[in-house]
Amino acid sequence: MKRIAFLIIFLLGGTVFAADGIKVELQFFTQTYRLNDPIPVMVNVVNTSKEQFHFDVSSLIYETFFFEVKTPKNEDIVINDLFQIEMKNNFSSSEDYRDITLNSGESFSKTIDINQWYLVKDSGYYFVKGVFYPNPDDKSKKIESVYYKILVKPPLMIESELLKEEQAKTLKLQQVKLLPPYEVVSDMIDAKMKKDWNRFLVHIDAERLIQSFDSFWIEYKNAKTGQYALEVIERFKKYLTVYWQDVVESYTIKKSTIEADKAQVECDVTYILRNVSYIARYTFILYKNHNGEWLVENYIVHMVK
C-alpha cells in the first residue's frame, strides 16, 4: 500500500510547504547534453536558516528526491518503463531511513541521473525542477527548486549529418536567390507544391508584398515599435504559407518580361478543389535588390477557367 500511495501522490502532486531558510537547488555539470547520454544533476538541500534542520533520507532515493521535467511547450516528460517497474516493486520503511541534521550553512547533496528515470527521447530544450520530500512518509509536503533549463543535442554522429543537411539546404537557398525572374516564380511555386516554406519565402519581399494585404498593412504601418513591426511581418509570412490552400496540380510559365531592375512573369496555375480543377493566371511583379536577387513584391491574379 505504501508504494501505491507514493505513486498516486506523485501523479497527483502534493502541497508545497514553506520551510524557512531551506532551499533546494540543482547543479548541472554542463548546460548541454547528448541524447541517450547520462544527464547527472546534483540536488542540494541547503540550510540558510539559523536553526538546525532535521529530515529523513530513504534508501530508495526517489522517495526523498524527485524531478519535474517539461518541454518548452509545458508538456510533462513521462517516466520510463523500467523506472516505473522499479518504483512499483520496491518497498521501504522508516527503518531504512537515515536521519540527517543540517546546521546553519550546511547542505546535503545527492547526484542523480535524470536519464535513468525519465524518457528523454527527443533533442531540444528541457526545463527541470527538483522536488524534495523531508519526510518520505508524507508526500503531501514538499520543497521545490526553481526550473533549470538544459539543452539535449542529438548524438554526435547524427548532429554531424544534420549539420551537413542544413549546410546543403543553405547552399541551395543561396543558389536559388540568384535565379532569373521566370525561374524564381517557377521555384517559388514548386516550393509551395512541396511545402518547402523556407524556399518559398526566400523569393518574396514580405515588407513590400504586405502592402497589398490591407489588414496586415495597416497593422504594420501603425506598429509603435520596431519589434512589433517584425512580429507583424512574421505573422504575415506565416499567413502566406496557408493563404493559397487549394492544391496546385501544375503550372506553366507563359511569359517573362525584364526591364532593367523590374520584371513581370505571367504564369498559369492549375488548382484542384474537391476534385474540381480551375486555372488562375498570375502576373508576378519582381524587382532586383542590391544583392542581385529577384524578389516578388506584388502580384495580380484572375481566373482563366
Protein backbone atom coordinates (compact mmCIF):
# COMPACT_ATOMS: atom_id res chain seq x y z
CA MET A 1 0.00 0.00 0.00
CA LYS A 2 2.88 2.36 0.74
CA ARG A 3 4.20 2.01 -2.80
CA ILE A 4 0.76 2.57 -4.34
CA ALA A 5 0.25 5.62 -2.16
CA PHE A 6 3.58 7.04 -3.30
CA LEU A 7 2.67 6.61 -6.96
CA ILE A 8 -0.74 8.22 -6.51
CA ILE A 9 0.70 11.20 -4.63
CA PHE A 10 3.46 11.60 -7.19
CA LEU A 11 0.98 11.67 -10.06
CA LEU A 12 -1.49 13.99 -8.37
CA GLY A 13 1.09 16.21 -6.69
CA GLY A 14 1.45 17.32 -3.10
CA THR A 15 1.43 20.62 -1.26
CA VAL A 16 4.49 22.84 -1.40
CA PHE A 17 5.05 23.93 2.17
CA ALA A 18 7.24 26.70 3.46
CA ALA A 19 10.38 25.69 5.34
CA ASP A 20 12.02 28.97 6.25
CA GLY A 21 15.65 29.05 5.25
CA ILE A 22 15.62 25.66 3.49
CA LYS A 23 16.39 25.79 -0.20
CA VAL A 24 16.51 23.15 -2.90
CA GLU A 25 18.99 23.83 -5.68
CA LEU A 26 20.04 21.85 -8.73
CA GLN A 27 23.60 21.81 -10.02
CA PHE A 28 24.19 20.63 -13.58
CA PHE A 29 27.72 19.81 -14.64
CA THR A 30 27.09 21.32 -18.08
CA GLN A 31 24.19 23.03 -19.81
CA THR A 32 24.40 20.81 -22.89
CA TYR A 33 23.95 17.04 -23.09
CA ARG A 34 23.72 14.40 -25.80
CA LEU A 35 20.65 12.29 -26.45
CA ASN A 36 20.94 8.85 -24.76
CA ASP A 37 23.90 10.01 -22.64
CA PRO A 38 23.63 10.35 -18.84
CA ILE A 39 22.20 13.63 -17.53
CA PRO A 40 23.62 13.80 -14.00
CA VAL A 41 22.32 16.50 -11.70
CA MET A 42 23.31 17.23 -8.12
CA VAL A 43 20.39 18.00 -5.84
CA ASN A 44 21.39 20.25 -2.93
CA VAL A 45 19.34 20.85 0.20
CA VAL A 46 20.76 23.98 1.81
CA ASN A 47 20.03 25.25 5.31
CA THR A 48 20.29 29.04 5.19
CA SER A 49 18.40 29.50 8.46
CA LYS A 50 19.93 29.96 11.92
CA GLU A 51 18.27 26.80 13.22
CA GLN A 52 19.02 23.13 12.77
CA PHE A 53 17.01 21.31 10.12
CA HIS A 54 16.11 17.63 10.54
CA PHE A 55 14.87 15.34 7.78
CA ASP A 56 14.91 11.70 6.72
CA VAL A 57 16.51 10.20 3.61
CA SER A 58 15.01 6.98 2.26
CA SER A 59 17.21 4.15 0.99
CA LEU A 60 15.08 4.48 -2.15
CA ILE A 61 16.35 7.90 -3.13
CA TYR A 62 13.33 8.72 -5.31
CA GLU A 63 11.22 8.75 -2.14
CA THR A 64 13.29 11.72 -0.95
CA PHE A 65 14.19 13.42 -4.22
CA PHE A 66 12.27 13.65 -7.45
CA PHE A 67 12.05 15.88 -10.51
CA GLU A 68 9.58 17.51 -12.81
CA VAL A 69 10.80 17.62 -16.42
CA LYS A 70 8.95 19.69 -19.02
CA THR A 71 9.33 20.77 -22.64
CA PRO A 72 9.19 24.45 -23.70
CA LYS A 73 5.51 23.79 -24.53
CA ASN A 74 4.92 22.90 -20.85
CA GLU A 75 4.44 19.22 -21.69
CA ASP A 76 5.47 16.75 -19.00
CA ILE A 77 8.16 14.19 -19.85
CA VAL A 78 6.97 10.74 -18.81
CA ILE A 79 8.81 8.35 -16.51
CA ASN A 80 10.47 5.48 -18.36
CA ASP A 81 9.02 1.97 -18.08
CA LEU A 82 11.92 0.37 -16.19
CA PHE A 83 11.83 3.05 -13.52
CA GLN A 84 8.06 2.71 -13.14
CA ILE A 85 8.53 -1.04 -12.59
CA GLU A 86 11.27 -0.34 -10.05
CA MET A 87 9.04 2.02 -8.08
CA LYS A 88 6.18 -0.46 -8.19
CA ASN A 89 8.21 -3.44 -6.99
CA ASN A 90 10.41 -1.87 -4.30
CA PHE A 91 9.32 -1.07 -0.78
CA SER A 92 10.85 0.85 2.09
CA SER A 93 10.04 1.55 5.71
CA SER A 94 11.11 4.09 8.30
CA GLU A 95 13.75 1.60 9.46
CA ASP A 96 15.50 2.20 6.15
CA TYR A 97 15.67 5.96 6.62
CA ARG A 98 18.74 7.97 7.54
CA ASP A 99 18.19 10.86 9.93
CA ILE A 100 20.02 13.93 8.65
CA THR A 101 20.68 17.09 10.63
CA LEU A 102 21.85 20.22 8.87
CA ASN A 103 23.29 23.03 10.95
CA SER A 104 23.11 26.59 9.73
CA GLY A 105 25.04 26.95 6.47
CA GLU A 106 25.32 23.21 5.85
CA SER A 107 23.96 21.29 2.87
CA PHE A 108 23.11 17.74 1.84
CA SER A 109 23.69 16.62 -1.75
CA LYS A 110 22.82 13.69 -3.95
CA THR A 111 23.71 13.15 -7.62
CA ILE A 112 21.02 11.52 -9.77
CA ASP A 113 20.96 10.65 -13.48
CA ILE A 114 17.72 12.04 -14.89
CA ASN A 115 18.04 9.75 -17.90
CA GLN A 116 17.64 6.75 -15.59
CA TRP A 117 14.20 7.98 -14.57
CA TYR A 118 12.74 9.92 -17.47
CA LEU A 119 12.17 9.15 -21.13
CA VAL A 120 14.18 11.90 -22.80
CA LYS A 121 13.82 10.74 -26.39
CA ASP A 122 13.96 13.99 -28.40
CA SER A 123 16.65 16.61 -28.75
CA GLY A 124 15.80 20.15 -27.69
CA TYR A 125 15.44 22.29 -24.58
CA TYR A 126 14.06 20.92 -21.31
CA PHE A 127 13.11 22.53 -18.01
CA VAL A 128 13.95 20.58 -14.85
CA LYS A 129 12.69 21.24 -11.32
CA GLY A 130 13.90 19.42 -8.22
CA VAL A 131 11.42 18.14 -5.61
CA PHE A 132 12.47 17.31 -2.03
CA TYR A 133 10.37 15.34 0.48
CA PRO A 134 11.78 15.94 4.02
CA ASN A 135 9.60 13.09 5.31
CA PRO A 136 9.38 10.16 2.84
CA ASP A 137 6.19 9.02 4.61
CA ASP A 138 4.42 12.32 3.96
CA LYS A 139 4.38 13.05 0.24
CA SER A 140 1.81 15.79 0.75
CA LYS A 141 4.62 18.11 1.87
CA LYS A 142 7.50 19.01 -0.40
CA ILE A 143 10.06 21.72 -1.11
CA GLU A 144 10.78 22.58 -4.73
CA SER A 145 13.57 24.28 -6.62
CA VAL A 146 13.08 26.70 -9.47
CA TYR A 147 13.15 25.37 -13.04
CA TYR A 148 16.55 24.96 -14.68
CA LYS A 149 16.99 24.99 -18.47
CA ILE A 150 19.18 22.43 -20.23
CA LEU A 151 19.81 21.58 -23.89
CA VAL A 152 19.83 18.00 -25.15
CA LYS A 153 21.52 17.68 -28.54
CA PRO A 154 21.31 14.76 -30.98
CA PRO A 155 24.08 12.12 -30.79
CA LEU A 156 27.30 13.49 -32.26
CA MET A 157 27.14 11.39 -35.43
CA ILE A 158 23.53 12.35 -36.10
CA GLU A 159 24.24 16.01 -35.35
CA SER A 160 27.07 15.90 -37.88
CA GLU A 161 24.70 14.53 -40.52
CA LEU A 162 22.07 17.12 -39.64
CA LEU A 163 24.69 19.85 -39.94
CA LYS A 164 25.64 18.61 -43.40
CA GLU A 165 21.97 18.59 -44.44
CA GLU A 166 21.49 22.10 -43.09
CA GLN A 167 24.58 23.35 -44.91
CA ALA A 168 23.32 21.77 -48.14
CA LYS A 169 19.93 23.47 -47.70
CA THR A 170 21.62 26.81 -47.00
CA LEU A 171 23.77 26.45 -50.12
CA LYS A 172 20.70 25.61 -52.20
CA LEU A 173 18.85 28.67 -50.86
CA GLN A 174 21.82 30.85 -51.74
CA GLN A 175 21.77 29.44 -55.27
CA VAL A 176 18.03 29.89 -55.85
CA LYS A 177 18.26 33.51 -54.71
CA LEU A 178 20.25 34.28 -57.87
CA LEU A 179 17.83 32.72 -60.36
CA PRO A 180 16.36 34.86 -63.19
CA PRO A 181 12.75 36.09 -62.73
CA TYR A 182 10.94 33.27 -64.58
CA GLU A 183 12.93 30.64 -62.64
CA VAL A 184 12.25 32.48 -59.38
CA VAL A 185 8.49 32.13 -59.97
CA SER A 186 8.89 28.51 -61.06
CA ASP A 187 10.95 27.66 -57.97
CA MET A 188 8.55 29.51 -55.68
CA ILE A 189 5.52 27.55 -56.95
CA ASP A 190 7.49 24.30 -56.83
CA ALA A 191 8.38 25.05 -53.21
CA LYS A 192 4.69 25.65 -52.43
CA MET A 193 3.74 22.32 -54.01
CA LYS A 194 6.35 20.59 -51.83
CA LYS A 195 5.54 22.69 -48.74
CA ASP A 196 9.16 23.82 -48.55
CA TRP A 197 8.27 27.11 -46.92
CA ASN A 198 11.81 28.37 -46.38
CA ARG A 199 12.47 28.08 -50.11
CA PHE A 200 9.03 29.55 -50.86
CA LEU A 201 9.53 32.64 -48.70
CA VAL A 202 13.09 33.31 -49.84
CA HIS A 203 11.66 34.57 -53.14
CA ILE A 204 9.27 37.08 -51.51
CA ASP A 205 9.91 40.58 -50.18
CA ALA A 206 7.37 40.45 -47.37
CA GLU A 207 7.83 44.11 -46.43
CA ARG A 208 6.68 45.13 -49.92
CA LEU A 209 4.07 42.44 -50.55
CA ILE A 210 2.35 43.20 -47.24
CA GLN A 211 1.14 46.49 -48.74
CA SER A 212 -1.35 44.53 -50.87
CA PHE A 213 -2.98 42.95 -47.78
CA ASP A 214 -4.94 45.73 -46.11
CA SER A 215 -5.35 44.38 -42.57
CA PHE A 216 -1.68 43.39 -42.26
CA TRP A 217 -0.50 46.62 -43.91
CA ILE A 218 -2.50 48.84 -41.53
CA GLU A 219 -1.20 46.94 -38.52
CA TYR A 220 2.37 47.12 -39.87
CA LYS A 221 2.19 50.88 -40.58
CA ASN A 222 0.76 51.58 -37.13
CA ALA A 223 3.30 49.47 -35.25
CA LYS A 224 4.65 51.59 -32.40
CA THR A 225 7.93 49.69 -32.09
CA GLY A 226 10.32 48.05 -34.49
CA GLN A 227 9.95 44.79 -32.59
CA TYR A 228 6.18 44.75 -33.07
CA ALA A 229 6.60 45.55 -36.77
CA LEU A 230 8.86 42.50 -37.09
CA GLU A 231 6.21 40.38 -35.34
CA VAL A 232 3.60 41.57 -37.87
CA ILE A 233 5.92 40.60 -40.74
CA GLU A 234 6.49 37.15 -39.25
CA ARG A 235 2.74 36.60 -38.89
CA PHE A 236 2.27 37.77 -42.47
CA LYS A 237 4.88 35.27 -43.70
CA LYS A 238 3.08 32.53 -41.80
CA TYR A 239 -0.18 33.64 -43.41
CA LEU A 240 1.36 33.37 -46.88
CA THR A 241 2.11 29.69 -46.27
CA VAL A 242 -1.59 28.95 -45.71
CA TYR A 243 -3.14 31.68 -47.91
CA TRP A 244 -3.38 29.53 -51.06
CA GLN A 245 -4.94 26.43 -49.54
CA ASP A 246 -6.04 24.71 -52.76
CA VAL A 247 -3.71 22.03 -54.09
CA VAL A 248 -1.51 23.02 -57.02
CA GLU A 249 -1.73 20.35 -59.73
CA SER A 250 0.55 22.01 -62.28
CA TYR A 251 1.80 25.35 -63.53
CA THR A 252 3.07 26.88 -66.76
CA ILE A 253 5.25 29.96 -67.18
CA LYS A 254 3.58 31.87 -70.04
CA LYS A 255 5.72 34.97 -70.43
CA SER A 256 8.59 36.82 -68.75
CA THR A 257 9.45 40.48 -69.28
CA ILE A 258 12.56 42.16 -67.85
CA GLU A 259 13.29 45.89 -67.96
CA ALA A 260 16.37 46.98 -66.01
CA ASP A 261 15.72 46.02 -62.37
CA LYS A 262 11.99 45.33 -62.85
CA ALA A 263 10.33 42.18 -64.18
CA GLN A 264 6.90 40.63 -64.72
CA VAL A 265 6.26 36.92 -65.03
CA GLU A 266 2.92 35.58 -66.27
CA CYS A 267 2.07 32.12 -65.02
CA ASP A 268 -0.97 29.83 -65.25
CA VAL A 269 -1.52 27.71 -62.14
CA THR A 270 -3.94 24.76 -62.16
CA TYR A 271 -5.55 24.12 -58.78
CA ILE A 272 -7.67 21.22 -57.55
CA LEU A 273 -10.54 21.84 -55.14
CA ARG A 274 -12.81 18.95 -54.18
CA ASN A 275 -11.94 17.01 -57.35
CA VAL A 276 -12.66 20.07 -59.50
CA SER A 277 -9.78 21.85 -61.23
CA TYR A 278 -9.54 25.50 -62.19
CA ILE A 279 -6.84 27.72 -63.67
CA ALA A 280 -5.69 31.03 -62.22
CA ARG A 281 -3.42 33.36 -64.20
CA TYR A 282 -0.89 35.24 -62.10
CA THR A 283 1.22 38.19 -63.11
CA PHE A 284 4.05 38.30 -60.59
CA ILE A 285 5.85 41.63 -60.23
CA LEU A 286 9.50 41.37 -59.23
CA TYR A 287 12.41 43.72 -58.61
CA LYS A 288 16.16 43.17 -58.34
CA ASN A 289 17.69 44.16 -55.00
CA HIS A 290 21.25 45.36 -54.30
CA ASN A 291 22.41 41.73 -53.96
CA GLY A 292 21.27 40.91 -57.46
CA GLU A 293 18.31 38.83 -56.19
CA TRP A 294 14.93 38.94 -57.93
CA LEU A 295 12.12 39.16 -55.34
CA VAL A 296 8.33 39.10 -55.69
CA GLU A 297 6.92 42.40 -54.43
CA ASN A 298 3.35 42.11 -55.74
CA TYR A 299 1.08 40.07 -58.00
CA ILE A 300 -2.18 40.27 -59.95
CA VAL A 301 -4.45 37.27 -60.39
CA HIS A 302 -7.61 36.46 -62.36
CA MET A 303 -9.43 33.28 -63.25
CA VAL A 304 -8.87 31.78 -66.71
CA LYS A 305 -11.33 28.92 -66.42
